[in-house]
Each structure stands twice: as C-alpha cells, then as structure tokens.
Amino acid sequence: MTFNSRRLKNSLVLFVVCLLLNSLANYYGTPLYQIQIVSGWVLMILILLLFFYSLRKKLTLLPIGKTSSWLQFHSYAGFLSVLVFFQHLTYRLPNGFFEIILASFFMVTALSGIVGMIFSRVIPRHLTRRGEEVIYERIPLFTYEIRKQAQDLIIECTLKTNSTALADYYQNYLADYFYKPKRPLFHFYGSMGALYVMQTRHNNFCRYLNEQESVYAQQLFELIRKKYDLDFHYALQGVLKTWLFIHVPLTYALILAMTVHLMLVYAFLGGLQ
C-alpha cells in the first residue's frame, strides 16, 4: 500500500469514528452533562492510548505491533482527541480557573504534538540529503575527531612548509568554529550562507599561499565542510530531542490534571444525588 492510499484509508477510518462518536453523543443527548461525561471518558481513553505510544517505543522486545503502526495510530488518534475535546466543551470557551488551566494544558500538548509530527516528517528527509546518518549522542565525539584532524593538519603543514600562515589563519578564524556546534538557527532553516561566507574568506586567503600550502588549505576546507554538515545534523536532531522534552512532560501533566478533573466531576455529581 502506498503512502497516499494508506493516508486516505486512515482518514476515512477517522471520519467514520467521528460519525460514530457524534451518534453516540446524540444518543445520550439529554441531559447535557451526560454528553460531557461520555465525551470526557472517550477523551481520557484517547489520551491514555496516546501516552502508551511513548511506552511502546521503550518496550521494543514485546510483540505488540510495529512502531510505525503505533505512530500512525498516535497521529490519527491525536486528531480525533482534538475533535472530542471540542465536543466535550460543547464548542464553547472554557470558564472557571481549573477548566481554563485544563483546556490550556490540552491545547498546548496538542499543538506541540502537531508541531512534532511536522518535524518528524520534514526533518529526517533533510538529514538524509546532508551526509551520512549520524547518531546524535556521538556528534560531540565526531566534532572532537574533526578538530583533531584539523589540528594535526596544521601542525604537519607548519613543519613541512616552515610557514605559520595556515596556523595563524586557523587560530584567528577557525579554532572556535571547530570547538563546538555553531549557528543552530542557520541550520534549522537549511541556510548555507555561513558556509559560503567561510568559503569566500578561505578562497581569498588561499590566494596568498604557495602551492604546497594550498594543498593543505584545501584539505582544511574539506574538514570545514564536514564540520558544517555535522552541525546541521546536531541542530536538526536537537530540535527533535527538544520537542520530546516538551511534549512528553506536558502529556504527564495533562493526564494528572484530567485525573483531578475526573475526581472533581464525580464528587460534584455525587453531591447532587
């Protein structure tokens, strides 16, 4: 099944489920609080199922379905939860301090999920176009190795050419660049502007080198390019990591707030009886 046909099938399933939930709400149409109780329980179950996706990623050895299938379910169930949420509010603005807080938690969590879904679709495609795949946790090690290669190259050039021109250039313009990841915003937008600036400066510098020094300078620029691609991976993978540190704690907070909300609702209903 192609990606488009699978997305069409899943969208149709989502549409049918929405119709069924709407029919269920109409069945319990009077009084109003029964609609909110039913939609509230459906919303709670959906949130818990969405939360189980993060647990599924950690339990890779258990035969409970493919991670890709869970991801598709997570995406469509997330959209369904937004529709049920508005149905639970009966399509009105929340009122009351706790209700506003709970609604804010849900909307921020849902928004972070939508943003994360977009990132998870777009960022991997950009990463595959810029060098080989790099494990995020090993990027500092690769940065160190590139810096070590650059420093060894400078030392070799200085000893063999008896000139400090390339060493001075490295110390003045490149030492800090090779030390740590640079310009994350440039990489997030996919900009190559910073690399072009360094290339122009490097080419202007190479005009004053002799033939032997130019060979070393060319090798140095290849390391500059590798470091730039490494920074690109660090910036984009860092966005995915940071998004998880936002979305997952928000989900924990949302489940806690919904549990308190559920207890208050049934305590209130018990007081009316």
C-alpha atoms as a PDB file:
ATOM      1  CA  MET A   1       0.000   0.000   0.000  1.00  0.00           C
ATOM      2  CA  THR A   2       1.398   3.392  -0.991  1.00  0.00           C
ATOM      3  CA  PHE A   3       1.727   6.266   1.460  1.00  0.00           C
ATOM      4  CA  ASN A   4      -1.117   8.252  -0.152  1.00  0.00           C
ATOM      5  CA  SER A   5      -3.520   5.296  -0.221  1.00  0.00           C
ATOM      6  CA  ARG A   6      -2.686   4.455   3.386  1.00  0.00           C
ATOM      7  CA  ARG A   7      -3.293   8.055   4.419  1.00  0.00           C
ATOM      8  CA  LEU A   8      -6.626   8.060   2.547  1.00  0.00           C
ATOM      9  CA  LYS A   9      -7.681   4.842   4.273  1.00  0.00           C
ATOM     10  CA  ASN A  10      -6.733   6.143   7.702  1.00  0.00           C
ATOM     11  CA  SER A  11      -8.527   9.432   7.059  1.00  0.00           C
ATOM     12  CA  LEU A  12     -11.703   7.568   6.094  1.00  0.00           C
ATOM     13  CA  VAL A  13     -11.462   5.479   9.269  1.00  0.00           C
ATOM     14  CA  LEU A  14     -11.033   8.657  11.300  1.00  0.00           C
ATOM     15  CA  PHE A  15     -14.089  10.187   9.612  1.00  0.00           C
ATOM     16  CA  VAL A  16     -16.214   7.099  10.371  1.00  0.00           C
ATOM     17  CA  VAL A  17     -15.100   7.084  14.001  1.00  0.00           C
ATOM     18  CA  CYS A  18     -16.031  10.770  14.290  1.00  0.00           C
ATOM     19  CA  LEU A  19     -19.511   9.992  12.944  1.00  0.00           C
ATOM     20  CA  LEU A  20     -19.902   7.133  15.419  1.00  0.00           C
ATOM     21  CA  LEU A  21     -18.853   9.301  18.332  1.00  0.00           C
ATOM     22  CA  ASN A  22     -21.230  12.026  17.234  1.00  0.00           C
ATOM     23  CA  SER A  23     -24.052   9.459  17.008  1.00  0.00           C
ATOM     24  CA  LEU A  24     -23.144   8.216  20.476  1.00  0.00           C
ATOM     25  CA  ALA A  25     -23.292  11.752  21.821  1.00  0.00           C
ATOM     26  CA  ASN A  26     -26.711  12.282  20.246  1.00  0.00           C
ATOM     27  CA  TYR A  27     -27.910   9.014  21.744  1.00  0.00           C
ATOM     28  CA  TYR A  28     -27.045  10.352  25.202  1.00  0.00           C
ATOM     29  CA  GLY A  29     -28.300  13.748  24.165  1.00  0.00           C
ATOM     30  CA  THR A  30     -30.268  14.633  27.279  1.00  0.00           C
ATOM     31  CA  PRO A  31     -29.348  15.887  29.745  1.00  0.00           C
ATOM     32  CA  LEU A  32     -26.284  17.877  28.659  1.00  0.00           C
ATOM     33  CA  TYR A  33     -23.978  16.626  31.408  1.00  0.00           C
ATOM     34  CA  GLN A  34     -24.308  13.050  30.046  1.00  0.00           C
ATOM     35  CA  ILE A  35     -22.800  14.180  26.729  1.00  0.00           C
ATOM     36  CA  GLN A  36     -19.875  15.693  28.612  1.00  0.00           C
ATOM     37  CA  ILE A  37     -19.411  12.569  30.737  1.00  0.00           C
ATOM     38  CA  VAL A  38     -19.351  10.271  27.692  1.00  0.00           C
ATOM     39  CA  SER A  39     -17.063  12.573  25.679  1.00  0.00           C
ATOM     40  CA  GLY A  40     -14.892  13.079  28.762  1.00  0.00           C
ATOM     41  CA  TRP A  41     -14.344   9.345  29.177  1.00  0.00           C
ATOM     42  CA  VAL A  42     -13.653   8.933  25.456  1.00  0.00           C
ATOM     43  CA  LEU A  43     -11.143  11.773  25.656  1.00  0.00           C
ATOM     44  CA  MET A  44      -9.473  10.254  28.720  1.00  0.00           C
ATOM     45  CA  ILE A  45      -9.144   6.872  26.990  1.00  0.00           C
ATOM     46  CA  LEU A  46      -7.693   8.527  23.875  1.00  0.00           C
ATOM     47  CA  ILE A  47      -5.134  10.454  25.925  1.00  0.00           C
ATOM     48  CA  LEU A  48      -4.059   7.252  27.685  1.00  0.00           C
ATOM     49  CA  LEU A  49      -3.739   5.428  24.353  1.00  0.00           C
ATOM     50  CA  LEU A  50      -1.667   8.308  23.005  1.00  0.00           C
ATOM     51  CA  PHE A  51       0.511   8.122  26.105  1.00  0.00           C
ATOM     52  CA  PHE A  52       1.062   4.387  25.601  1.00  0.00           C
ATOM     53  CA  TYR A  53       2.923   5.176  22.362  1.00  0.00           C
ATOM     54  CA  SER A  54       5.839   6.586  24.362  1.00  0.00           C
ATOM     55  CA  LEU A  55       5.874   3.370  26.406  1.00  0.00           C
ATOM     56  CA  ARG A  56       5.736   1.260  23.225  1.00  0.00           C
ATOM     57  CA  LYS A  57       8.933   2.887  21.954  1.00  0.00           C
ATOM     58  CA  LYS A  58      10.716   1.727  25.118  1.00  0.00           C
ATOM     59  CA  LEU A  59       9.298  -1.814  25.029  1.00  0.00           C
ATOM     60  CA  THR A  60      10.849  -2.804  21.711  1.00  0.00           C
ATOM     61  CA  LEU A  61      11.133  -6.520  22.533  1.00  0.00           C
ATOM     62  CA  LEU A  62       7.431  -7.122  23.212  1.00  0.00           C
ATOM     63  CA  PRO A  63       5.303  -8.384  20.250  1.00  0.00           C
ATOM     64  CA  ILE A  64       2.712  -5.608  20.461  1.00  0.00           C
ATOM     65  CA  GLY A  65       2.767  -4.316  16.892  1.00  0.00           C
ATOM     66  CA  LYS A  66       5.221  -2.385  14.785  1.00  0.00           C
ATOM     67  CA  THR A  67       6.377   1.031  15.932  1.00  0.00           C
ATOM     68  CA  SER A  68       5.355   2.510  12.569  1.00  0.00           C
ATOM     69  CA  SER A  69       1.782   1.265  13.067  1.00  0.00           C
ATOM     70  CA  TRP A  70       1.710   2.746  16.552  1.00  0.00           C
ATOM     71  CA  LEU A  71       2.975   6.031  15.149  1.00  0.00           C
ATOM     72  CA  GLN A  72       0.155   6.153  12.580  1.00  0.00           C
ATOM     73  CA  PHE A  73      -2.392   5.360  15.284  1.00  0.00           C
ATOM     74  CA  HIS A  74      -0.837   8.036  17.508  1.00  0.00           C
ATOM     75  CA  SER A  75      -1.170  10.669  14.777  1.00  0.00           C
ATOM     76  CA  TYR A  76      -4.796   9.968  13.868  1.00  0.00           C
ATOM     77  CA  ALA A  77      -5.868   9.403  17.472  1.00  0.00           C
ATOM     78  CA  GLY A  78      -4.317  12.778  18.271  1.00  0.00           C
ATOM     79  CA  PHE A  79      -6.504  14.495  15.683  1.00  0.00           C
ATOM     80  CA  LEU A  80      -9.523  12.575  16.974  1.00  0.00           C
ATOM     81  CA  SER A  81      -8.802  13.697  20.540  1.00  0.00           C
ATOM     82  CA  VAL A  82      -8.908  17.339  19.423  1.00  0.00           C
ATOM     83  CA  LEU A  83     -12.368  16.816  17.907  1.00  0.00           C
ATOM     84  CA  VAL A  84     -13.606  15.019  21.039  1.00  0.00           C
ATOM     85  CA  PHE A  85     -12.134  17.796  23.195  1.00  0.00           C
ATOM     86  CA  PHE A  86     -14.205  20.449  21.429  1.00  0.00           C
ATOM     87  CA  GLN A  87     -17.247  18.202  21.653  1.00  0.00           C
ATOM     88  CA  HIS A  88     -16.579  17.815  25.381  1.00  0.00           C
ATOM     89  CA  LEU A  89     -16.561  21.604  25.706  1.00  0.00           C
ATOM     90  CA  THR A  90     -19.809  21.661  23.675  1.00  0.00           C
ATOM     91  CA  TYR A  91     -17.994  24.015  21.288  1.00  0.00           C
ATOM     92  CA  ARG A  92     -17.731  26.880  23.777  1.00  0.00           C
ATOM     93  CA  LEU A  93     -14.897  28.664  25.556  1.00  0.00           C
ATOM     94  CA  PRO A  94     -13.951  27.164  28.923  1.00  0.00           C
ATOM     95  CA  ASN A  95     -14.886  29.082  32.058  1.00  0.00           C
ATOM     96  CA  GLY A  96     -13.608  28.756  35.586  1.00  0.00           C
ATOM     97  CA  PHE A  97      -9.979  28.756  36.695  1.00  0.00           C
ATOM     98  CA  PHE A  98      -9.377  24.992  36.703  1.00  0.00           C
ATOM     99  CA  GLU A  99     -11.265  24.468  33.444  1.00  0.00           C
ATOM    100  CA  ILE A 100      -9.156  27.117  31.718  1.00  0.00           C
ATOM    101  CA  ILE A 101      -5.955  25.552  33.078  1.00  0.00           C
ATOM    102  CA  LEU A 102      -7.007  22.075  31.926  1.00  0.00           C
ATOM    103  CA  ALA A 103      -8.043  23.325  28.477  1.00  0.00           C
ATOM    104  CA  SER A 104      -4.746  25.205  28.163  1.00  0.00           C
ATOM    105  CA  PHE A 105      -2.791  22.054  29.037  1.00  0.00           C
ATOM    106  CA  PHE A 106      -4.656  20.114  26.378  1.00  0.00           C
ATOM    107  CA  MET A 107      -4.292  22.734  23.642  1.00  0.00           C
ATOM    108  CA  VAL A 108      -0.570  23.252  24.290  1.00  0.00           C
ATOM    109  CA  THR A 109       0.003  19.479  24.353  1.00  0.00           C
ATOM    110  CA  ALA A 110      -2.000  19.009  21.143  1.00  0.00           C
ATOM    111  CA  LEU A 111      -0.182  21.897  19.454  1.00  0.00           C
ATOM    112  CA  SER A 112       3.219  20.512  20.459  1.00  0.00           C
ATOM    113  CA  GLY A 113       2.121  17.144  19.064  1.00  0.00           C
ATOM    114  CA  ILE A 114       1.131  18.665  15.718  1.00  0.00           C
ATOM    115  CA  VAL A 115       4.408  20.592  15.526  1.00  0.00           C
ATOM    116  CA  GLY A 116       6.330  17.451  16.435  1.00  0.00           C
ATOM    117  CA  MET A 117       4.519  15.454  13.758  1.00  0.00           C
ATOM    118  CA  ILE A 118       5.508  18.051  11.161  1.00  0.00           C
ATOM    119  CA  PHE A 119       9.116  17.994  12.395  1.00  0.00           C
ATOM    120  CA  SER A 120       9.232  14.179  12.311  1.00  0.00           C
ATOM    121  CA  ARG A 121       8.023  14.223   8.694  1.00  0.00           C
ATOM    122  CA  VAL A 122      10.217  17.022   7.380  1.00  0.00           C
ATOM    123  CA  ILE A 123      13.489  16.858   9.342  1.00  0.00           C
ATOM    124  CA  PRO A 124      14.510  13.240   8.511  1.00  0.00           C
ATOM    125  CA  ARG A 125      14.216  13.982   4.784  1.00  0.00           C
ATOM    126  CA  HIS A 126      16.543  16.975   5.156  1.00  0.00           C
ATOM    127  CA  LEU A 127      19.016  14.940   7.214  1.00  0.00           C
ATOM    128  CA  THR A 128      19.341  12.237   4.554  1.00  0.00           C
ATOM    129  CA  ARG A 129      20.323  14.886   1.993  1.00  0.00           C
ATOM    130  CA  ARG A 130      23.276  16.149   4.030  1.00  0.00           C
ATOM    131  CA  GLY A 131      25.823  13.438   4.584  1.00  0.00           C
ATOM    132  CA  GLU A 132      25.516  10.021   6.164  1.00  0.00           C
ATOM    133  CA  GLU A 133      23.291   9.370   9.172  1.00  0.00           C
ATOM    134  CA  VAL A 134      24.872  10.415  12.456  1.00  0.00           C
ATOM    135  CA  ILE A 135      23.833   9.283  15.932  1.00  0.00           C
ATOM    136  CA  TYR A 136      23.023  12.397  17.921  1.00  0.00           C
ATOM    137  CA  GLU A 137      24.817  11.284  21.100  1.00  0.00           C
ATOM    138  CA  ARG A 138      28.037  10.650  19.143  1.00  0.00           C
ATOM    139  CA  ILE A 139      28.170  14.051  17.459  1.00  0.00           C
ATOM    140  CA  PRO A 140      30.436  15.567  20.194  1.00  0.00           C
ATOM    141  CA  LEU A 141      32.885  12.691  19.586  1.00  0.00           C
ATOM    142  CA  PHE A 142      32.834  13.279  15.828  1.00  0.00           C
ATOM    143  CA  THR A 143      33.357  17.002  16.447  1.00  0.00           C
ATOM    144  CA  TYR A 144      36.420  16.202  18.516  1.00  0.00           C
ATOM    145  CA  GLU A 145      37.785  13.886  15.813  1.00  0.00           C
ATOM    146  CA  ILE A 146      37.382  16.531  13.092  1.00  0.00           C
ATOM    147  CA  ARG A 147      39.016  19.151  15.311  1.00  0.00           C
ATOM    148  CA  LYS A 148      41.910  16.742  15.982  1.00  0.00           C
ATOM    149  CA  GLN A 149      42.340  16.133  12.244  1.00  0.00           C
ATOM    150  CA  ALA A 150      42.394  19.883  11.586  1.00  0.00           C
ATOM    151  CA  GLN A 151      44.978  20.493  14.293  1.00  0.00           C
ATOM    152  CA  ASP A 152      47.182  17.642  13.058  1.00  0.00           C
ATOM    153  CA  LEU A 153      46.914  19.058   9.545  1.00  0.00           C
ATOM    154  CA  ILE A 154      48.009  22.492  10.750  1.00  0.00           C
ATOM    155  CA  ILE A 155      50.991  21.029  12.604  1.00  0.00           C
ATOM    156  CA  GLU A 156      52.048  18.969   9.591  1.00  0.00           C
ATOM    157  CA  CYS A 157      51.728  21.998   7.289  1.00  0.00           C
ATOM    158  CA  THR A 158      53.796  24.169   9.625  1.00  0.00           C
ATOM    159  CA  LEU A 159      56.583  21.571   9.904  1.00  0.00           C
ATOM    160  CA  LYS A 160      56.774  20.783   6.184  1.00  0.00           C
ATOM    161  CA  THR A 161      56.385  24.298   4.755  1.00  0.00           C
ATOM    162  CA  ASN A 162      58.181  26.129   7.545  1.00  0.00           C
ATOM    163  CA  SER A 163      55.343  28.704   7.465  1.00  0.00           C
ATOM    164  CA  THR A 164      52.802  29.704  10.111  1.00  0.00           C
ATOM    165  CA  ALA A 165      50.351  31.289   7.672  1.00  0.00           C
ATOM    166  CA  LEU A 166      47.820  28.452   7.851  1.00  0.00           C
ATOM    167  CA  ALA A 167      48.290  28.108  11.611  1.00  0.00           C
ATOM    168  CA  ASP A 168      47.615  31.817  12.137  1.00  0.00           C
ATOM    169  CA  TYR A 169      44.561  31.614   9.907  1.00  0.00           C
ATOM    170  CA  TYR A 170      43.245  28.648  11.872  1.00  0.00           C
ATOM    171  CA  GLN A 171      43.836  30.328  15.215  1.00  0.00           C
ATOM    172  CA  ASN A 172      42.196  33.618  14.188  1.00  0.00           C
ATOM    173  CA  TYR A 173      39.141  32.327  12.315  1.00  0.00           C
ATOM    174  CA  LEU A 174      38.589  28.590  12.779  1.00  0.00           C
ATOM    175  CA  ALA A 175      39.651  27.489  16.266  1.00  0.00           C
ATOM    176  CA  ASP A 176      36.332  28.387  17.854  1.00  0.00           C
ATOM    177  CA  TYR A 177      34.393  27.039  14.870  1.00  0.00           C
ATOM    178  CA  PHE A 178      35.929  23.572  15.256  1.00  0.00           C
ATOM    179  CA  TYR A 179      35.496  23.575  19.023  1.00  0.00           C
ATOM    180  CA  LYS A 180      31.706  23.189  19.229  1.00  0.00           C
ATOM    181  CA  PRO A 181      28.489  23.278  17.111  1.00  0.00           C
ATOM    182  CA  LYS A 182      27.774  26.697  15.631  1.00  0.00           C
ATOM    183  CA  ARG A 183      24.839  28.656  14.175  1.00  0.00           C
ATOM    184  CA  PRO A 184      21.890  26.330  15.011  1.00  0.00           C
ATOM    185  CA  LEU A 185      19.321  28.773  13.586  1.00  0.00           C
ATOM    186  CA  PHE A 186      21.096  28.889  10.220  1.00  0.00           C
ATOM    187  CA  HIS A 187      20.990  25.086  10.067  1.00  0.00           C
ATOM    188  CA  PHE A 188      17.365  24.902  11.182  1.00  0.00           C
ATOM    189  CA  TYR A 189      16.356  26.995   8.178  1.00  0.00           C
ATOM    190  CA  GLY A 190      18.669  24.974   5.926  1.00  0.00           C
ATOM    191  CA  SER A 191      20.805  28.023   5.164  1.00  0.00           C
ATOM    192  CA  MET A 192      24.206  27.539   3.524  1.00  0.00           C
ATOM    193  CA  GLY A 193      25.048  31.224   3.916  1.00  0.00           C
ATOM    194  CA  ALA A 194      27.559  30.763   6.737  1.00  0.00           C
ATOM    195  CA  LEU A 195      29.444  28.123   4.735  1.00  0.00           C
ATOM    196  CA  TYR A 196      29.558  30.398   1.681  1.00  0.00           C
ATOM    197  CA  VAL A 197      30.992  33.202   3.829  1.00  0.00           C
ATOM    198  CA  MET A 198      33.692  30.884   5.153  1.00  0.00           C
ATOM    199  CA  GLN A 199      34.409  29.601   1.660  1.00  0.00           C
ATOM    200  CA  THR A 200      34.819  33.123   0.287  1.00  0.00           C
ATOM    201  CA  ARG A 201      37.163  34.074   3.112  1.00  0.00           C
ATOM    202  CA  HIS A 202      39.071  30.835   2.664  1.00  0.00           C
ATOM    203  CA  ASN A 203      39.478  31.364  -1.086  1.00  0.00           C
ATOM    204  CA  ASN A 204      40.707  34.919  -0.530  1.00  0.00           C
ATOM    205  CA  PHE A 205      43.228  33.620   1.996  1.00  0.00           C
ATOM    206  CA  CYS A 206      44.450  30.862  -0.344  1.00  0.00           C
ATOM    207  CA  ARG A 207      45.463  33.449  -2.960  1.00  0.00           C
ATOM    208  CA  TYR A 208      48.472  34.341  -0.803  1.00  0.00           C
ATOM    209  CA  LEU A 209      49.663  30.752  -0.244  1.00  0.00           C
ATOM    210  CA  ASN A 210      52.260  28.853  -2.196  1.00  0.00           C
ATOM    211  CA  GLU A 211      51.424  25.612  -3.968  1.00  0.00           C
ATOM    212  CA  GLN A 212      52.347  23.341  -1.076  1.00  0.00           C
ATOM    213  CA  GLU A 213      50.373  25.386   1.459  1.00  0.00           C
ATOM    214  CA  SER A 214      47.374  25.473  -0.884  1.00  0.00           C
ATOM    215  CA  VAL A 215      47.169  21.666  -0.798  1.00  0.00           C
ATOM    216  CA  TYR A 216      46.900  21.741   2.995  1.00  0.00           C
ATOM    217  CA  ALA A 217      44.421  24.615   2.823  1.00  0.00           C
ATOM    218  CA  GLN A 218      42.198  22.595   0.514  1.00  0.00           C
ATOM    219  CA  GLN A 219      42.257  19.658   2.926  1.00  0.00           C
ATOM    220  CA  LEU A 220      41.403  22.051   5.734  1.00  0.00           C
ATOM    221  CA  PHE A 221      38.360  23.330   3.882  1.00  0.00           C
ATOM    222  CA  GLU A 222      37.107  19.755   3.414  1.00  0.00           C
ATOM    223  CA  LEU A 223      37.169  19.460   7.208  1.00  0.00           C
ATOM    224  CA  ILE A 224      35.321  22.776   7.445  1.00  0.00           C
ATOM    225  CA  ARG A 225      32.608  21.364   5.187  1.00  0.00           C
ATOM    226  CA  LYS A 226      32.380  18.135   7.205  1.00  0.00           C
ATOM    227  CA  LYS A 227      32.056  20.148  10.401  1.00  0.00           C
ATOM    228  CA  TYR A 228      29.292  22.238   8.821  1.00  0.00           C
ATOM    229  CA  ASP A 229      27.318  19.103   7.872  1.00  0.00           C
ATOM    230  CA  LEU A 230      27.877  17.746  11.380  1.00  0.00           C
ATOM    231  CA  ASP A 231      26.495  20.977  12.866  1.00  0.00           C
ATOM    232  CA  PHE A 232      23.484  20.619  10.564  1.00  0.00           C
ATOM    233  CA  HIS A 233      22.729  17.167  11.977  1.00  0.00           C
ATOM    234  CA  TYR A 234      23.278  18.414  15.522  1.00  0.00           C
ATOM    235  CA  ALA A 235      20.857  21.328  15.080  1.00  0.00           C
ATOM    236  CA  LEU A 236      18.019  19.388  13.418  1.00  0.00           C
ATOM    237  CA  GLN A 237      18.290  16.304  15.587  1.00  0.00           C
ATOM    238  CA  GLY A 238      18.449  18.633  18.579  1.00  0.00           C
ATOM    239  CA  VAL A 239      15.075  20.078  17.558  1.00  0.00           C
ATOM    240  CA  LEU A 240      13.549  16.585  17.635  1.00  0.00           C
ATOM    241  CA  LYS A 241      15.125  15.866  21.022  1.00  0.00           C
ATOM    242  CA  THR A 242      13.990  19.196  22.481  1.00  0.00           C
ATOM    243  CA  TRP A 243      10.457  18.688  21.186  1.00  0.00           C
ATOM    244  CA  LEU A 244      10.205  15.379  23.060  1.00  0.00           C
ATOM    245  CA  PHE A 245      11.373  17.034  26.286  1.00  0.00           C
ATOM    246  CA  ILE A 246       8.442  19.440  25.868  1.00  0.00           C
ATOM    247  CA  HIS A 247       5.695  17.152  24.581  1.00  0.00           C
ATOM    248  CA  VAL A 248       6.168  14.192  26.946  1.00  0.00           C
ATOM    249  CA  PRO A 249       6.176  16.190  30.247  1.00  0.00           C
ATOM    250  CA  LEU A 250       3.114  18.095  29.009  1.00  0.00           C
ATOM    251  CA  THR A 251       1.382  14.752  28.462  1.00  0.00           C
ATOM    252  CA  TYR A 252       2.169  13.681  32.041  1.00  0.00           C
ATOM    253  CA  ALA A 253       0.814  16.992  33.350  1.00  0.00           C
ATOM    254  CA  LEU A 254      -2.303  16.663  31.183  1.00  0.00           C
ATOM    255  CA  ILE A 255      -3.074  13.152  32.450  1.00  0.00           C
ATOM    256  CA  LEU A 256      -2.633  14.309  36.047  1.00  0.00           C
ATOM    257  CA  ALA A 257      -4.910  17.326  35.507  1.00  0.00           C
ATOM    258  CA  MET A 258      -7.531  15.179  33.764  1.00  0.00           C
ATOM    259  CA  THR A 259      -7.481  12.700  36.665  1.00  0.00           C
ATOM    260  CA  VAL A 260      -8.095  15.513  39.157  1.00  0.00           C
ATOM    261  CA  HIS A 261     -10.830  16.866  36.882  1.00  0.00           C
ATOM    262  CA  LEU A 262     -12.476  13.438  36.736  1.00  0.00           C
ATOM    263  CA  MET A 263     -12.445  13.121  40.533  1.00  0.00           C
ATOM    264  CA  LEU A 264     -13.976  16.588  40.941  1.00  0.00           C
ATOM    265  CA  VAL A 265     -16.706  15.855  38.385  1.00  0.00           C
ATOM    266  CA  TYR A 266     -17.834  12.668  40.107  1.00  0.00           C
ATOM    267  CA  ALA A 267     -17.583  14.290  43.518  1.00  0.00           C
ATOM    268  CA  PHE A 268     -19.843  17.075  42.247  1.00  0.00           C
ATOM    269  CA  LEU A 269     -22.312  14.610  40.700  1.00  0.00           C
ATOM    270  CA  GLY A 270     -22.360  12.626  43.925  1.00  0.00           C
ATOM    271  CA  GLY A 271     -23.250  15.788  45.827  1.00  0.00           C
ATOM    272  CA  LEU A 272     -26.209  16.378  43.519  1.00  0.00           C
ATOM    273  CA  GLN A 273     -27.686  12.947  44.196  1.00  0.00           C
END
